[in-house]
């Protein structure tokens, strides 16, 4: 199903956490090799996760900069695009 990007943006936090959980549980189970499509998804997932964590920490203390907010937003869009591509590829197969 070809969902609009805004659907993935809406649920980006949960989707990123699902990817991280899948990676983590596989890693702890001894799986060290992942399909190339999943590896392509990991980088933007971790980039978004890290940017969001930094932005949330700054927000908590009321001092988030425009740059930090922009980095979070840009990484969120990058993640959503990567997740959309990954999901659509797997829905076709």
Protein backbone atom coordinates (compact mmCIF):
# COMPACT_ATOMS: atom_id res chain seq x y z
CA UNK A 1 0.00 0.00 0.00
CA UNK A 2 1.46 3.33 -1.04
CA UNK A 3 0.84 5.57 1.97
CA UNK A 4 1.62 9.29 1.87
CA UNK A 5 4.81 10.46 3.55
CA UNK A 6 2.79 12.40 6.14
CA UNK A 7 1.55 9.07 7.58
CA UNK A 8 5.13 8.01 8.25
CA UNK A 9 5.99 11.43 9.67
CA UNK A 10 3.02 11.24 12.01
CA UNK A 11 4.24 7.96 13.50
CA UNK A 12 8.00 8.51 13.07
CA UNK A 13 8.78 8.17 16.80
CA UNK A 14 7.04 4.81 17.13
CA UNK A 15 8.33 3.51 13.81
CA UNK A 16 11.92 4.43 14.64
CA UNK A 17 11.59 2.71 18.01
CA UNK A 18 10.24 -0.41 16.28
CA UNK A 19 13.26 -0.49 13.97
CA UNK A 20 15.65 -0.04 16.90
CA UNK A 21 13.85 -2.77 18.86
CA UNK A 22 14.00 -5.18 15.91
CA UNK A 23 17.70 -4.48 15.44
CA UNK A 24 18.42 -4.83 19.16
CA UNK A 25 16.53 -8.06 19.68
CA UNK A 26 18.16 -9.58 16.60
CA UNK A 27 21.59 -8.44 17.75
CA UNK A 28 21.07 -9.94 21.21
CA UNK A 29 19.93 -13.18 19.58
CA UNK A 30 23.31 -13.38 17.86
CA UNK A 31 22.26 -12.16 14.44
CA UNK A 32 25.02 -9.93 13.12
CA UNK A 33 24.16 -9.85 9.44
CA UNK A 34 21.10 -8.02 8.20
CA UNK A 35 19.58 -7.68 4.73
CA UNK A 36 20.91 -4.66 2.80
CA UNK A 37 17.46 -3.03 2.83
CA UNK A 38 17.39 -3.13 6.63
CA UNK A 39 20.95 -1.80 6.86
CA UNK A 40 19.90 1.14 4.64
CA UNK A 41 17.14 1.90 7.13
CA UNK A 42 19.35 1.74 10.23
CA UNK A 43 21.45 4.83 9.54
CA UNK A 44 18.55 7.30 9.18
CA UNK A 45 16.80 5.59 12.09
CA UNK A 46 19.70 6.14 14.46
CA UNK A 47 20.34 9.63 13.11
CA UNK A 48 16.72 10.60 13.83
CA UNK A 49 16.73 8.88 17.21
CA UNK A 50 19.86 10.77 18.26
CA UNK A 51 18.67 14.14 16.91
CA UNK A 52 15.31 13.73 18.64
CA UNK A 53 16.97 12.83 21.95
CA UNK A 54 19.20 15.92 21.79
CA UNK A 55 16.27 18.16 20.84
CA UNK A 56 14.09 16.72 23.61
CA UNK A 57 16.84 17.31 26.17
CA UNK A 58 17.18 20.93 25.04
CA UNK A 59 13.39 21.39 25.08
CA UNK A 60 13.24 20.07 28.62
CA UNK A 61 15.40 22.97 29.73
CA UNK A 62 13.73 25.49 27.44
CA UNK A 63 16.78 26.25 25.35
CA UNK A 64 16.40 24.51 22.01
CA UNK A 65 18.18 26.32 19.20
CA UNK A 66 16.86 26.72 15.69
CA UNK A 67 19.73 24.58 14.47
CA UNK A 68 18.91 21.72 16.86
CA UNK A 69 15.22 21.88 15.95
CA UNK A 70 16.10 21.91 12.24
CA UNK A 71 18.40 18.90 12.64
CA UNK A 72 15.62 17.00 14.36
CA UNK A 73 13.10 17.95 11.69
CA UNK A 74 15.42 17.11 8.81
CA UNK A 75 16.39 13.75 10.28
CA UNK A 76 12.70 12.98 10.91
CA UNK A 77 11.89 13.56 7.24
CA UNK A 78 14.94 11.55 6.15
CA UNK A 79 13.88 8.68 8.40
CA UNK A 80 10.26 8.79 7.21
CA UNK A 81 11.37 8.65 3.57
CA UNK A 82 13.70 5.73 4.27
CA UNK A 83 11.02 3.88 6.23
CA UNK A 84 8.43 4.48 3.50
CA UNK A 85 10.82 3.07 0.89
CA UNK A 86 11.60 0.06 3.10
CA UNK A 87 7.96 -0.62 3.89
CA UNK A 88 6.76 -0.30 0.31
CA UNK A 89 9.54 -2.59 -0.92
CA UNK A 90 8.47 -5.25 1.57
CA UNK A 91 4.77 -4.87 0.87
CA UNK A 92 5.43 -5.59 -2.82
CA UNK A 93 7.37 -8.77 -2.04
